[in-house]
Each structure stands twice: as structure tokens, then as C-alpha cells.
Amino acid sequence: MADSDYYEFGVAHGRKYTLEHLWIQVLDEKKADSQIKIGISEFIRAEYGDIVRVILTKPEDDSEFKTEDRDADEETNQDDDAPTPMTSGDEVGLDDLLITVTTEYEKLLLNAPFPCKIVSLNGDIEDNPDLVNDDAYADGWCVIVQPHEFDADQFLDEAEYIEYLNEV
């Protein structure tokens, strides 16, 4: 655990960190296609105040805009060129919005740190954001993804993240 001179927060072992204060945990390092759990570093709460709302990317929320009538799509020939609204399990590109966090003082938009497919969303944190405030590295996780083009070495380990925080 690391303590800042101004804020008290923890940095969990066995995770990598992004410069945007997301933590990344490979769930089964023995598998080449391991899923990855992503959450919010405790630094966010220490820096910006208690988290009062978390909104996870819900591609399925866009379903109202999806054209279900396949015949209509074929008639207009627009289905090849028009972007298709994402549905649960669809791909999230590098830097696509992944998590929106509202704290006491700020609203933060956290983007995907790598291209991935959403496997699972922790809806409990949307109903109870205190899960992130109280247990950011366990019950407060945000999403589980299946990464593409993932290289763990491009992210900060615990010591590097602490060093980065000391510079912020």
C-alpha cells in the first residue's frame, strides 16, 4: 500500500495500471486468450472525492436505434456503410468510452486502454457506487473484457504506478 502526502489510498498488488487510473488484472495468466478485469484505482477517489455515480458502457442501450427489419436494410443498401450500434459483447476500440465516473467534484470519462470485447459488466457498482469507494480492487471492479492486441508491458506495474502518482 502506498500513502500520498495529501491523500490516503491503496495500490493493489498483481495488477497493471493506466495513466488514466484504471487497474487491469489478467484473470488467468496461463491462458493465451485470458480475460481481463478492469476497475478504477483508489487514486480517483483520493484525488476527486467520493464516487457518487458510475456508468458503464452499455452497448445494448443503443438497441433502440438498431434497425431490426433486415429487409429494409437490404432495400436501402446502407447496412454496409453505416456504423451498426454496438450490442452486448461487441467490440470496444482503443480510446472508446468505457466508464463514466462522477465524483463529488468532477465527471471523468475513462476510455478503453486497449481494443477488446466486453464480456461482463458489474452492474452492482451502478446501483451502489460505494462498492468502488469501499473496495475498488475487489467488489468495485467495473468490466471484464476479452482483449485484442494486449501487451501487459505497456502498462505500469505497482511500483511504476506509485512513482507516476508521486509525479502527478
C-alpha atoms as a PDB file:
ATOM      1  CA  MET A   1       0.000   0.000   0.000  1.00  0.00           C
ATOM      2  CA  ALA A   2       1.194   3.481  -0.776  1.00  0.00           C
ATOM      3  CA  ASP A   3       0.240   6.634   1.032  1.00  0.00           C
ATOM      4  CA  SER A   4       0.376  10.036  -0.543  1.00  0.00           C
ATOM      5  CA  ASP A   5       1.364  13.104   1.448  1.00  0.00           C
ATOM      6  CA  TYR A   6      -2.081  14.573   0.875  1.00  0.00           C
ATOM      7  CA  TYR A   7      -4.452  11.644   0.334  1.00  0.00           C
ATOM      8  CA  GLU A   8      -4.621   8.157   1.714  1.00  0.00           C
ATOM      9  CA  PHE A   9      -5.285   5.398  -0.803  1.00  0.00           C
ATOM     10  CA  GLY A  10      -4.078   1.952  -1.739  1.00  0.00           C
ATOM     11  CA  VAL A  11      -2.445   0.444  -4.785  1.00  0.00           C
ATOM     12  CA  ALA A  12      -3.246  -3.244  -5.217  1.00  0.00           C
ATOM     13  CA  HIS A  13      -0.677  -5.943  -5.954  1.00  0.00           C
ATOM     14  CA  GLY A  14      -0.941  -8.179  -9.007  1.00  0.00           C
ATOM     15  CA  ARG A  15      -2.373  -5.550 -11.312  1.00  0.00           C
ATOM     16  CA  LYS A  16      -1.218  -3.183 -14.022  1.00  0.00           C
ATOM     17  CA  TYR A  17      -2.281   0.459 -14.165  1.00  0.00           C
ATOM     18  CA  THR A  18      -3.023   3.009 -16.860  1.00  0.00           C
ATOM     19  CA  LEU A  19      -2.099   6.684 -16.789  1.00  0.00           C
ATOM     20  CA  GLU A  20      -5.860   7.344 -16.590  1.00  0.00           C
ATOM     21  CA  HIS A  21      -6.014   5.456 -13.250  1.00  0.00           C
ATOM     22  CA  LEU A  22      -7.651   2.239 -14.369  1.00  0.00           C
ATOM     23  CA  TRP A  23      -6.371  -1.033 -12.955  1.00  0.00           C
ATOM     24  CA  ILE A  24      -6.054  -4.100 -15.142  1.00  0.00           C
ATOM     25  CA  GLN A  25      -5.976  -7.662 -13.818  1.00  0.00           C
ATOM     26  CA  VAL A  26      -5.334 -10.664 -16.056  1.00  0.00           C
ATOM     27  CA  LEU A  27      -7.679 -13.372 -14.768  1.00  0.00           C
ATOM     28  CA  ASP A  28      -5.781 -16.449 -15.955  1.00  0.00           C
ATOM     29  CA  GLU A  29      -2.216 -15.673 -16.938  1.00  0.00           C
ATOM     30  CA  LYS A  30      -1.630 -19.268 -18.066  1.00  0.00           C
ATOM     31  CA  LYS A  31      -4.070 -18.869 -20.976  1.00  0.00           C
ATOM     32  CA  ALA A  32      -3.059 -17.008 -24.118  1.00  0.00           C
ATOM     33  CA  ASP A  33      -6.598 -15.642 -24.507  1.00  0.00           C
ATOM     34  CA  SER A  34      -7.166 -14.655 -20.882  1.00  0.00           C
ATOM     35  CA  GLN A  35      -9.945 -12.311 -19.927  1.00  0.00           C
ATOM     36  CA  ILE A  36      -9.092  -9.106 -18.127  1.00  0.00           C
ATOM     37  CA  LYS A  37     -10.897  -7.415 -15.257  1.00  0.00           C
ATOM     38  CA  ILE A  38     -10.784  -3.611 -15.274  1.00  0.00           C
ATOM     39  CA  GLY A  39     -11.549  -1.251 -12.421  1.00  0.00           C
ATOM     40  CA  ILE A  40     -10.921   2.225 -11.094  1.00  0.00           C
ATOM     41  CA  SER A  41      -7.838   2.988  -8.991  1.00  0.00           C
ATOM     42  CA  GLU A  42      -8.415   4.306  -5.473  1.00  0.00           C
ATOM     43  CA  PHE A  43      -6.460   7.368  -6.591  1.00  0.00           C
ATOM     44  CA  ILE A  44      -9.612   8.674  -8.339  1.00  0.00           C
ATOM     45  CA  ARG A  45     -11.480   8.854  -5.031  1.00  0.00           C
ATOM     46  CA  ALA A  46      -8.481  10.338  -3.222  1.00  0.00           C
ATOM     47  CA  GLU A  47      -7.953  12.997  -5.892  1.00  0.00           C
ATOM     48  CA  TYR A  48     -11.534  13.904  -6.842  1.00  0.00           C
ATOM     49  CA  GLY A  49     -13.652  12.946  -3.813  1.00  0.00           C
ATOM     50  CA  ASP A  50     -16.125  10.151  -3.213  1.00  0.00           C
ATOM     51  CA  ILE A  51     -17.502   8.464  -6.286  1.00  0.00           C
ATOM     52  CA  VAL A  52     -21.214   9.212  -6.414  1.00  0.00           C
ATOM     53  CA  ARG A  53     -22.079   7.594  -9.752  1.00  0.00           C
ATOM     54  CA  VAL A  54     -20.574   5.067 -12.134  1.00  0.00           C
ATOM     55  CA  ILE A  55     -21.944   4.486 -15.612  1.00  0.00           C
ATOM     56  CA  LEU A  56     -20.539   1.552 -17.537  1.00  0.00           C
ATOM     57  CA  THR A  57     -20.533   1.347 -21.299  1.00  0.00           C
ATOM     58  CA  LYS A  58     -23.720  -0.431 -22.164  1.00  0.00           C
ATOM     59  CA  PRO A  59     -23.666  -1.050 -25.871  1.00  0.00           C
ATOM     60  CA  GLU A  60     -27.069  -2.713 -25.562  1.00  0.00           C
ATOM     61  CA  ASP A  61     -28.593   0.643 -24.554  1.00  0.00           C
ATOM     62  CA  ASP A  62     -28.290   1.692 -28.190  1.00  0.00           C
ATOM     63  CA  SER A  63     -30.655  -1.075 -29.289  1.00  0.00           C
ATOM     64  CA  GLU A  64     -33.495   1.412 -29.740  1.00  0.00           C
ATOM     65  CA  PHE A  65     -31.523   2.822 -32.677  1.00  0.00           C
ATOM     66  CA  LYS A  66     -30.851  -0.538 -34.286  1.00  0.00           C
ATOM     67  CA  THR A  67     -32.906  -1.431 -37.319  1.00  0.00           C
ATOM     68  CA  GLU A  68     -34.326  -4.876 -36.749  1.00  0.00           C
ATOM     69  CA  ASP A  69     -36.003  -5.046 -40.149  1.00  0.00           C
ATOM     70  CA  ARG A  70     -33.386  -6.775 -42.305  1.00  0.00           C
ATOM     71  CA  ASP A  71     -35.481  -6.294 -45.475  1.00  0.00           C
ATOM     72  CA  ALA A  72     -35.480  -2.516 -45.006  1.00  0.00           C
ATOM     73  CA  ASP A  73     -31.688  -2.540 -44.675  1.00  0.00           C
ATOM     74  CA  GLU A  74     -31.338  -4.538 -47.866  1.00  0.00           C
ATOM     75  CA  GLU A  75     -33.628  -2.155 -49.741  1.00  0.00           C
ATOM     76  CA  THR A  76     -31.620   0.924 -48.758  1.00  0.00           C
ATOM     77  CA  ASN A  77     -28.226  -0.782 -49.114  1.00  0.00           C
ATOM     78  CA  GLN A  78     -26.962   1.308 -46.184  1.00  0.00           C
ATOM     79  CA  ASP A  79     -26.086  -1.561 -43.855  1.00  0.00           C
ATOM     80  CA  ASP A  80     -22.626  -1.937 -45.412  1.00  0.00           C
ATOM     81  CA  ASP A  81     -21.577   1.682 -44.874  1.00  0.00           C
ATOM     82  CA  ALA A  82     -23.487   2.778 -41.776  1.00  0.00           C
ATOM     83  CA  PRO A  83     -21.999   2.066 -38.358  1.00  0.00           C
ATOM     84  CA  THR A  84     -24.004  -0.544 -36.517  1.00  0.00           C
ATOM     85  CA  PRO A  85     -24.895   0.268 -32.913  1.00  0.00           C
ATOM     86  CA  MET A  86     -22.999  -1.980 -30.533  1.00  0.00           C
ATOM     87  CA  THR A  87     -24.728  -4.751 -28.642  1.00  0.00           C
ATOM     88  CA  SER A  88     -23.610  -6.603 -25.534  1.00  0.00           C
ATOM     89  CA  GLY A  89     -20.429  -8.462 -26.337  1.00  0.00           C
ATOM     90  CA  ASP A  90     -19.448  -6.196 -29.207  1.00  0.00           C
ATOM     91  CA  GLU A  91     -16.030  -4.730 -29.689  1.00  0.00           C
ATOM     92  CA  VAL A  92     -14.726  -1.627 -27.938  1.00  0.00           C
ATOM     93  CA  GLY A  93     -11.891   0.136 -29.712  1.00  0.00           C
ATOM     94  CA  LEU A  94      -8.837   1.763 -28.216  1.00  0.00           C
ATOM     95  CA  ASP A  95      -9.888   5.027 -26.568  1.00  0.00           C
ATOM     96  CA  ASP A  96     -13.643   4.336 -26.866  1.00  0.00           C
ATOM     97  CA  LEU A  97     -15.558   5.419 -23.775  1.00  0.00           C
ATOM     98  CA  LEU A  98     -15.631   2.578 -21.246  1.00  0.00           C
ATOM     99  CA  ILE A  99     -16.569   4.095 -17.865  1.00  0.00           C
ATOM    100  CA  THR A 100     -18.067   7.419 -16.791  1.00  0.00           C
ATOM    101  CA  VAL A 101     -17.324   8.310 -13.178  1.00  0.00           C
ATOM    102  CA  THR A 102     -18.985  11.170 -11.332  1.00  0.00           C
ATOM    103  CA  THR A 103     -17.267  12.201  -8.120  1.00  0.00           C
ATOM    104  CA  GLU A 104     -18.104  14.918  -5.643  1.00  0.00           C
ATOM    105  CA  TYR A 105     -16.128  17.419  -7.708  1.00  0.00           C
ATOM    106  CA  GLU A 106     -15.555  16.054 -11.224  1.00  0.00           C
ATOM    107  CA  LYS A 107     -17.036  13.975 -14.011  1.00  0.00           C
ATOM    108  CA  LEU A 108     -14.407  11.724 -15.564  1.00  0.00           C
ATOM    109  CA  LEU A 109     -14.642   9.896 -18.874  1.00  0.00           C
ATOM    110  CA  LEU A 110     -12.387   6.821 -18.830  1.00  0.00           C
ATOM    111  CA  ASN A 111     -11.607   5.227 -22.162  1.00  0.00           C
ATOM    112  CA  ALA A 112     -10.738   1.667 -23.039  1.00  0.00           C
ATOM    113  CA  PRO A 113      -6.985   1.145 -22.641  1.00  0.00           C
ATOM    114  CA  PHE A 114      -6.895  -1.415 -25.473  1.00  0.00           C
ATOM    115  CA  PRO A 115      -9.241  -2.889 -28.087  1.00  0.00           C
ATOM    116  CA  CYS A 116     -11.463  -5.513 -26.503  1.00  0.00           C
ATOM    117  CA  LYS A 117     -14.803  -7.275 -26.389  1.00  0.00           C
ATOM    118  CA  ILE A 118     -16.996  -6.697 -23.337  1.00  0.00           C
ATOM    119  CA  VAL A 119     -17.665  -9.997 -21.589  1.00  0.00           C
ATOM    120  CA  SER A 120     -19.296  -8.835 -18.353  1.00  0.00           C
ATOM    121  CA  LEU A 121     -20.374  -5.588 -16.708  1.00  0.00           C
ATOM    122  CA  ASN A 122     -20.550  -5.150 -12.928  1.00  0.00           C
ATOM    123  CA  GLY A 123     -23.975  -3.518 -12.756  1.00  0.00           C
ATOM    124  CA  ASP A 124     -23.828  -3.599  -8.950  1.00  0.00           C
ATOM    125  CA  ILE A 125     -21.498  -0.572  -8.955  1.00  0.00           C
ATOM    126  CA  GLU A 126     -24.046   1.465 -10.880  1.00  0.00           C
ATOM    127  CA  ASP A 127     -26.664   0.731  -8.229  1.00  0.00           C
ATOM    128  CA  ASN A 128     -24.186   1.138  -5.383  1.00  0.00           C
ATOM    129  CA  PRO A 129     -21.121   3.272  -6.252  1.00  0.00           C
ATOM    130  CA  ASP A 130     -19.901   2.841  -2.666  1.00  0.00           C
ATOM    131  CA  LEU A 131     -18.610  -0.560  -3.803  1.00  0.00           C
ATOM    132  CA  VAL A 132     -15.940   1.378  -5.719  1.00  0.00           C
ATOM    133  CA  ASN A 133     -15.359   3.765  -2.806  1.00  0.00           C
ATOM    134  CA  ASP A 134     -15.061   0.961  -0.245  1.00  0.00           C
ATOM    135  CA  ASP A 135     -13.467  -1.880  -2.219  1.00  0.00           C
ATOM    136  CA  ALA A 136     -12.131  -0.608  -5.558  1.00  0.00           C
ATOM    137  CA  TYR A 137      -9.870  -3.625  -6.092  1.00  0.00           C
ATOM    138  CA  ALA A 138     -12.417  -6.371  -5.356  1.00  0.00           C
ATOM    139  CA  ASP A 139     -16.215  -5.911  -5.385  1.00  0.00           C
ATOM    140  CA  GLY A 140     -15.777  -2.498  -7.025  1.00  0.00           C
ATOM    141  CA  TRP A 141     -14.497  -3.872 -10.355  1.00  0.00           C
ATOM    142  CA  CYS A 142     -16.143  -2.434 -13.473  1.00  0.00           C
ATOM    143  CA  VAL A 143     -15.877  -4.692 -16.524  1.00  0.00           C
ATOM    144  CA  ILE A 144     -14.429  -7.965 -17.698  1.00  0.00           C
ATOM    145  CA  VAL A 145     -13.183  -7.945 -21.263  1.00  0.00           C
ATOM    146  CA  GLN A 146     -11.605 -10.201 -23.839  1.00  0.00           C
ATOM    147  CA  PRO A 147      -8.622  -8.155 -25.089  1.00  0.00           C
ATOM    148  CA  HIS A 148      -7.228  -7.840 -28.586  1.00  0.00           C
ATOM    149  CA  GLU A 149      -3.660  -6.660 -29.152  1.00  0.00           C
ATOM    150  CA  PHE A 150      -2.979  -6.700 -25.413  1.00  0.00           C
ATOM    151  CA  ASP A 151       0.572  -6.234 -24.176  1.00  0.00           C
ATOM    152  CA  ALA A 152       0.813  -6.085 -20.383  1.00  0.00           C
ATOM    153  CA  ASP A 153       4.255  -4.487 -20.611  1.00  0.00           C
ATOM    154  CA  GLN A 154       2.777  -1.260 -21.995  1.00  0.00           C
ATOM    155  CA  PHE A 155       1.052  -0.616 -18.657  1.00  0.00           C
ATOM    156  CA  LEU A 156       2.536   0.399 -15.319  1.00  0.00           C
ATOM    157  CA  ASP A 157       3.219  -2.171 -12.620  1.00  0.00           C
ATOM    158  CA  GLU A 158       2.565  -1.298  -8.980  1.00  0.00           C
ATOM    159  CA  ALA A 159       5.952   0.367  -8.373  1.00  0.00           C
ATOM    160  CA  GLU A 160       5.830   2.328 -11.638  1.00  0.00           C
ATOM    161  CA  TYR A 161       2.282   3.476 -10.870  1.00  0.00           C
ATOM    162  CA  ILE A 162       3.294   4.696  -7.407  1.00  0.00           C
ATOM    163  CA  GLU A 163       6.220   6.558  -8.962  1.00  0.00           C
ATOM    164  CA  TYR A 164       3.845   8.100 -11.536  1.00  0.00           C
ATOM    165  CA  LEU A 165       1.439   9.181  -8.766  1.00  0.00           C
ATOM    166  CA  ASN A 166       4.271  10.876  -6.907  1.00  0.00           C
ATOM    167  CA  GLU A 167       4.887  12.985 -10.021  1.00  0.00           C
ATOM    168  CA  VAL A 168       1.223  13.934 -10.537  1.00  0.00           C
END
